[in-house]
Amino acid sequence: MESKLIIIRGNSGSGKTTTSKNLQNYLGHGTLLISQDVVRREMLKVHDREGNLSIDLIRQIAEYGKGKCEFVIVEGILYKSHYGEMLGDLIQFYNRKTFSYYFDLSFEETATRHNASSKKMEFGIDALQACWKPNDYLGVDGETLLTNDMSQDNVLELILNQLQR
């Protein structure tokens, strides 16, 4: 089986987790979803800083999925400064069978999406602003930018169309 790696990144509140879960549900059984929040905050309880333990564990889980799962989704804020090298290594590991997406939204749009989500009770706009890092592109071939004018349905449709090629 030739596995495909899907990387979905962006600022907190942009729609990464919703997109990733919808994509996993659409792609079906055996689709591996690796959420940075789950690995870092729930499994390891570590702060998001350079060299944190979650970086290596995300890589190991993603490597495990190659050849076992048709699709492996890695999603999270995944700051380039902390996770960029690991993501680049995964892209090579997957023989460039990779689809990379970045939610390139304005802060205003991100705040609007956050306020419409269930996570609005977990943290407020101040916390969203504190971790805001615009234009944090990986800069890899084929990285697709997801913009303010794209609805959740538009994003899902775009990704599914690209996976079919």
C-alpha atoms as a PDB file:
ATOM      1  CA  MET A   1       0.000   0.000   0.000  1.00  0.00           C
ATOM      2  CA  GLU A   2       1.294   3.431  -0.934  1.00  0.00           C
ATOM      3  CA  SER A   3       0.413   5.779   1.903  1.00  0.00           C
ATOM      4  CA  LYS A   4      -0.261   9.493   1.492  1.00  0.00           C
ATOM      5  CA  LEU A   5       0.711  12.022   4.146  1.00  0.00           C
ATOM      6  CA  ILE A   6      -1.597  14.992   4.676  1.00  0.00           C
ATOM      7  CA  ILE A   7      -0.259  17.908   6.744  1.00  0.00           C
ATOM      8  CA  ILE A   8      -2.792  20.484   7.968  1.00  0.00           C
ATOM      9  CA  ARG A   9      -1.349  23.495   9.803  1.00  0.00           C
ATOM     10  CA  GLY A  10      -2.356  26.956  10.895  1.00  0.00           C
ATOM     11  CA  ASN A  11      -3.015  29.193  13.841  1.00  0.00           C
ATOM     12  CA  SER A  12      -5.170  28.184  16.756  1.00  0.00           C
ATOM     13  CA  GLY A  13      -8.869  28.502  15.977  1.00  0.00           C
ATOM     14  CA  SER A  14      -8.488  28.413  12.190  1.00  0.00           C
ATOM     15  CA  GLY A  15     -10.356  25.145  11.573  1.00  0.00           C
ATOM     16  CA  LYS A  16      -7.525  22.595  11.395  1.00  0.00           C
ATOM     17  CA  THR A  17      -9.018  20.065  13.797  1.00  0.00           C
ATOM     18  CA  THR A  18     -12.514  20.298  12.309  1.00  0.00           C
ATOM     19  CA  THR A  19     -11.114  19.864   8.803  1.00  0.00           C
ATOM     20  CA  SER A  20      -8.930  16.942   9.862  1.00  0.00           C
ATOM     21  CA  LYS A  21     -11.750  15.103  11.636  1.00  0.00           C
ATOM     22  CA  ASN A  22     -14.118  15.660   8.697  1.00  0.00           C
ATOM     23  CA  LEU A  23     -11.432  14.425   6.316  1.00  0.00           C
ATOM     24  CA  GLN A  24     -10.782  11.330   8.425  1.00  0.00           C
ATOM     25  CA  ASN A  25     -14.510  10.576   8.564  1.00  0.00           C
ATOM     26  CA  TYR A  26     -14.795  10.951   4.783  1.00  0.00           C
ATOM     27  CA  LEU A  27     -11.693   8.863   4.006  1.00  0.00           C
ATOM     28  CA  GLY A  28     -12.896   6.137   6.350  1.00  0.00           C
ATOM     29  CA  HIS A  29     -11.501   3.259   8.329  1.00  0.00           C
ATOM     30  CA  GLY A  30      -7.758   2.978   8.643  1.00  0.00           C
ATOM     31  CA  THR A  31      -7.133   6.705   8.173  1.00  0.00           C
ATOM     32  CA  LEU A  32      -4.632   7.702  10.857  1.00  0.00           C
ATOM     33  CA  LEU A  33      -5.198  11.144  12.398  1.00  0.00           C
ATOM     34  CA  ILE A  34      -2.358  12.533  14.506  1.00  0.00           C
ATOM     35  CA  SER A  35      -3.389  15.671  16.353  1.00  0.00           C
ATOM     36  CA  GLN A  36      -0.613  17.812  17.796  1.00  0.00           C
ATOM     37  CA  ASP A  37      -2.921  18.859  20.656  1.00  0.00           C
ATOM     38  CA  VAL A  38      -3.658  15.260  21.600  1.00  0.00           C
ATOM     39  CA  VAL A  39      -0.017  14.186  21.506  1.00  0.00           C
ATOM     40  CA  ARG A  40       1.438  17.295  23.154  1.00  0.00           C
ATOM     41  CA  ARG A  41      -1.247  18.346  25.620  1.00  0.00           C
ATOM     42  CA  GLU A  42      -3.063  15.110  26.449  1.00  0.00           C
ATOM     43  CA  MET A  43      -0.536  12.312  26.006  1.00  0.00           C
ATOM     44  CA  LEU A  44       2.650  14.081  27.109  1.00  0.00           C
ATOM     45  CA  LYS A  45       1.506  17.277  28.877  1.00  0.00           C
ATOM     46  CA  VAL A  46       4.438  19.316  27.555  1.00  0.00           C
ATOM     47  CA  HIS A  47       4.710  22.966  26.555  1.00  0.00           C
ATOM     48  CA  ASP A  48       4.954  23.862  22.878  1.00  0.00           C
ATOM     49  CA  ARG A  49       8.584  24.858  22.667  1.00  0.00           C
ATOM     50  CA  GLU A  50      11.524  23.888  20.522  1.00  0.00           C
ATOM     51  CA  GLY A  51      12.683  20.335  21.191  1.00  0.00           C
ATOM     52  CA  ASN A  52       9.564  19.270  23.104  1.00  0.00           C
ATOM     53  CA  LEU A  53       8.861  15.539  23.369  1.00  0.00           C
ATOM     54  CA  SER A  54       5.818  15.655  21.085  1.00  0.00           C
ATOM     55  CA  ILE A  55       7.920  16.396  18.009  1.00  0.00           C
ATOM     56  CA  ASP A  56       9.564  12.985  18.009  1.00  0.00           C
ATOM     57  CA  LEU A  57       6.393  11.141  19.010  1.00  0.00           C
ATOM     58  CA  ILE A  58       4.376  12.752  16.180  1.00  0.00           C
ATOM     59  CA  ARG A  59       7.140  11.682  13.769  1.00  0.00           C
ATOM     60  CA  GLN A  60       7.159   8.119  15.118  1.00  0.00           C
ATOM     61  CA  ILE A  61       3.380   7.751  14.896  1.00  0.00           C
ATOM     62  CA  ALA A  62       3.372   9.144  11.334  1.00  0.00           C
ATOM     63  CA  GLU A  63       6.177   6.781  10.325  1.00  0.00           C
ATOM     64  CA  TYR A  64       4.228   3.879  11.832  1.00  0.00           C
ATOM     65  CA  GLY A  65       1.295   4.679   9.530  1.00  0.00           C
ATOM     66  CA  LYS A  66       3.312   4.447   6.307  1.00  0.00           C
ATOM     67  CA  GLY A  67       2.433   1.223   4.539  1.00  0.00           C
ATOM     68  CA  LYS A  68      -0.301   0.416   7.067  1.00  0.00           C
ATOM     69  CA  CYS A  69      -2.756   3.251   6.389  1.00  0.00           C
ATOM     70  CA  GLU A  70      -3.729   4.701   3.025  1.00  0.00           C
ATOM     71  CA  PHE A  71      -3.893   8.180   4.562  1.00  0.00           C
ATOM     72  CA  VAL A  72      -1.969   9.658   7.486  1.00  0.00           C
ATOM     73  CA  ILE A  73      -3.086  13.117   8.631  1.00  0.00           C
ATOM     74  CA  VAL A  74      -0.830  15.246  10.839  1.00  0.00           C
ATOM     75  CA  GLU A  75      -2.605  18.358  12.110  1.00  0.00           C
ATOM     76  CA  GLY A  76      -1.840  21.181  14.462  1.00  0.00           C
ATOM     77  CA  ILE A  77      -0.360  24.630  14.795  1.00  0.00           C
ATOM     78  CA  LEU A  78       2.983  22.932  14.145  1.00  0.00           C
ATOM     79  CA  TYR A  79       5.118  26.084  14.142  1.00  0.00           C
ATOM     80  CA  LYS A  80       7.768  25.844  11.442  1.00  0.00           C
ATOM     81  CA  SER A  81      10.467  26.858  13.938  1.00  0.00           C
ATOM     82  CA  HIS A  82       9.659  23.863  16.182  1.00  0.00           C
ATOM     83  CA  TYR A  83       8.255  21.236  13.815  1.00  0.00           C
ATOM     84  CA  GLY A  84       9.569  22.236  10.365  1.00  0.00           C
ATOM     85  CA  GLU A  85      12.566  19.913  10.316  1.00  0.00           C
ATOM     86  CA  MET A  86      10.491  16.944  11.476  1.00  0.00           C
ATOM     87  CA  LEU A  87       7.785  17.656   8.889  1.00  0.00           C
ATOM     88  CA  GLY A  88      10.426  17.963   6.163  1.00  0.00           C
ATOM     89  CA  ASP A  89      11.819  14.590   7.233  1.00  0.00           C
ATOM     90  CA  LEU A  90       8.323  13.063   7.065  1.00  0.00           C
ATOM     91  CA  ILE A  91       7.806  14.455   3.564  1.00  0.00           C
ATOM     92  CA  GLN A  92      11.013  12.689   2.487  1.00  0.00           C
ATOM     93  CA  PHE A  93      10.011   9.521   4.388  1.00  0.00           C
ATOM     94  CA  TYR A  94       6.724   9.446   2.457  1.00  0.00           C
ATOM     95  CA  ASN A  95       8.627   9.760  -0.829  1.00  0.00           C
ATOM     96  CA  ARG A  96       6.969  13.120  -1.403  1.00  0.00           C
ATOM     97  CA  LYS A  97       3.486  11.516  -1.492  1.00  0.00           C
ATOM     98  CA  THR A  98       2.471  14.457   0.651  1.00  0.00           C
ATOM     99  CA  PHE A  99      -0.237  17.075   0.628  1.00  0.00           C
ATOM    100  CA  SER A 100       0.485  20.123   2.768  1.00  0.00           C
ATOM    101  CA  TYR A 101      -2.093  22.756   3.750  1.00  0.00           C
ATOM    102  CA  TYR A 102      -1.789  25.964   5.720  1.00  0.00           C
ATOM    103  CA  PHE A 103      -4.739  28.003   7.010  1.00  0.00           C
ATOM    104  CA  ASP A 104      -3.577  31.454   5.918  1.00  0.00           C
ATOM    105  CA  LEU A 105      -6.328  33.456   7.602  1.00  0.00           C
ATOM    106  CA  SER A 106      -6.496  36.968   8.965  1.00  0.00           C
ATOM    107  CA  PHE A 107      -6.668  37.289  12.742  1.00  0.00           C
ATOM    108  CA  GLU A 108     -10.210  38.666  12.423  1.00  0.00           C
ATOM    109  CA  GLU A 109     -11.384  35.610  10.458  1.00  0.00           C
ATOM    110  CA  THR A 110      -9.644  33.261  12.886  1.00  0.00           C
ATOM    111  CA  ALA A 111     -11.350  34.989  15.838  1.00  0.00           C
ATOM    112  CA  THR A 112     -14.731  34.690  14.092  1.00  0.00           C
ATOM    113  CA  ARG A 113     -14.191  30.954  13.470  1.00  0.00           C
ATOM    114  CA  HIS A 114     -12.954  30.420  17.022  1.00  0.00           C
ATOM    115  CA  ASN A 115     -16.014  32.167  18.490  1.00  0.00           C
ATOM    116  CA  ALA A 116     -18.270  29.892  16.446  1.00  0.00           C
ATOM    117  CA  SER A 117     -16.549  26.739  17.706  1.00  0.00           C
ATOM    118  CA  SER A 118     -16.946  24.615  20.831  1.00  0.00           C
ATOM    119  CA  LYS A 119     -13.413  25.621  21.886  1.00  0.00           C
ATOM    120  CA  LYS A 120     -14.453  29.215  22.567  1.00  0.00           C
ATOM    121  CA  MET A 121     -15.088  28.199  26.174  1.00  0.00           C
ATOM    122  CA  GLU A 122     -11.589  26.670  26.525  1.00  0.00           C
ATOM    123  CA  PHE A 123      -9.694  29.866  25.713  1.00  0.00           C
ATOM    124  CA  GLY A 124     -10.519  33.409  24.729  1.00  0.00           C
ATOM    125  CA  ILE A 125      -9.410  35.935  22.138  1.00  0.00           C
ATOM    126  CA  ASP A 126      -6.489  37.085  24.323  1.00  0.00           C
ATOM    127  CA  ALA A 127      -5.035  33.561  24.333  1.00  0.00           C
ATOM    128  CA  LEU A 128      -5.633  33.325  20.590  1.00  0.00           C
ATOM    129  CA  GLN A 129      -3.731  36.584  20.066  1.00  0.00           C
ATOM    130  CA  ALA A 130      -0.859  35.480  22.350  1.00  0.00           C
ATOM    131  CA  CYS A 131       0.004  32.462  20.187  1.00  0.00           C
ATOM    132  CA  TRP A 132      -0.823  34.138  16.840  1.00  0.00           C
ATOM    133  CA  LYS A 133       1.921  33.698  14.230  1.00  0.00           C
ATOM    134  CA  PRO A 134       0.917  34.789  10.719  1.00  0.00           C
ATOM    135  CA  ASN A 135       2.531  33.565   7.493  1.00  0.00           C
ATOM    136  CA  ASP A 136       4.195  30.550   9.120  1.00  0.00           C
ATOM    137  CA  TYR A 137       4.501  28.677   5.832  1.00  0.00           C
ATOM    138  CA  LEU A 138       6.557  25.493   5.541  1.00  0.00           C
ATOM    139  CA  GLY A 139       7.697  26.588   2.099  1.00  0.00           C
ATOM    140  CA  VAL A 140       7.538  23.071   0.658  1.00  0.00           C
ATOM    141  CA  ASP A 141       6.583  22.191  -2.908  1.00  0.00           C
ATOM    142  CA  GLY A 142       2.834  22.058  -3.329  1.00  0.00           C
ATOM    143  CA  GLU A 143       1.942  23.728  -0.041  1.00  0.00           C
ATOM    144  CA  THR A 144      -1.652  24.910  -0.468  1.00  0.00           C
ATOM    145  CA  LEU A 145      -2.877  28.038   1.295  1.00  0.00           C
ATOM    146  CA  LEU A 146      -6.405  27.965   2.677  1.00  0.00           C
ATOM    147  CA  THR A 147      -7.848  31.475   2.789  1.00  0.00           C
ATOM    148  CA  ASN A 148     -10.539  33.563   4.511  1.00  0.00           C
ATOM    149  CA  ASP A 149     -13.027  33.127   1.667  1.00  0.00           C
ATOM    150  CA  MET A 150     -12.982  29.306   1.815  1.00  0.00           C
ATOM    151  CA  SER A 151     -15.717  27.606   3.825  1.00  0.00           C
ATOM    152  CA  GLN A 152     -15.184  24.319   5.645  1.00  0.00           C
ATOM    153  CA  ASP A 153     -16.947  22.559   2.743  1.00  0.00           C
ATOM    154  CA  ASN A 154     -14.704  24.344   0.185  1.00  0.00           C
ATOM    155  CA  VAL A 155     -11.577  23.257   2.058  1.00  0.00           C
ATOM    156  CA  LEU A 156     -12.710  19.632   2.327  1.00  0.00           C
ATOM    157  CA  GLU A 157     -13.630  19.555  -1.370  1.00  0.00           C
ATOM    158  CA  LEU A 158     -10.256  21.036  -2.371  1.00  0.00           C
ATOM    159  CA  ILE A 159      -8.306  18.476  -0.327  1.00  0.00           C
ATOM    160  CA  LEU A 160     -10.364  15.537  -1.601  1.00  0.00           C
ATOM    161  CA  ASN A 161      -9.903  16.692  -5.207  1.00  0.00           C
ATOM    162  CA  GLN A 162      -6.136  16.948  -4.735  1.00  0.00           C
ATOM    163  CA  LEU A 163      -5.983  13.475  -3.189  1.00  0.00           C
ATOM    164  CA  GLN A 164      -7.680  12.024  -6.287  1.00  0.00           C
ATOM    165  CA  ARG A 165      -4.916  13.187  -8.645  1.00  0.00           C
END
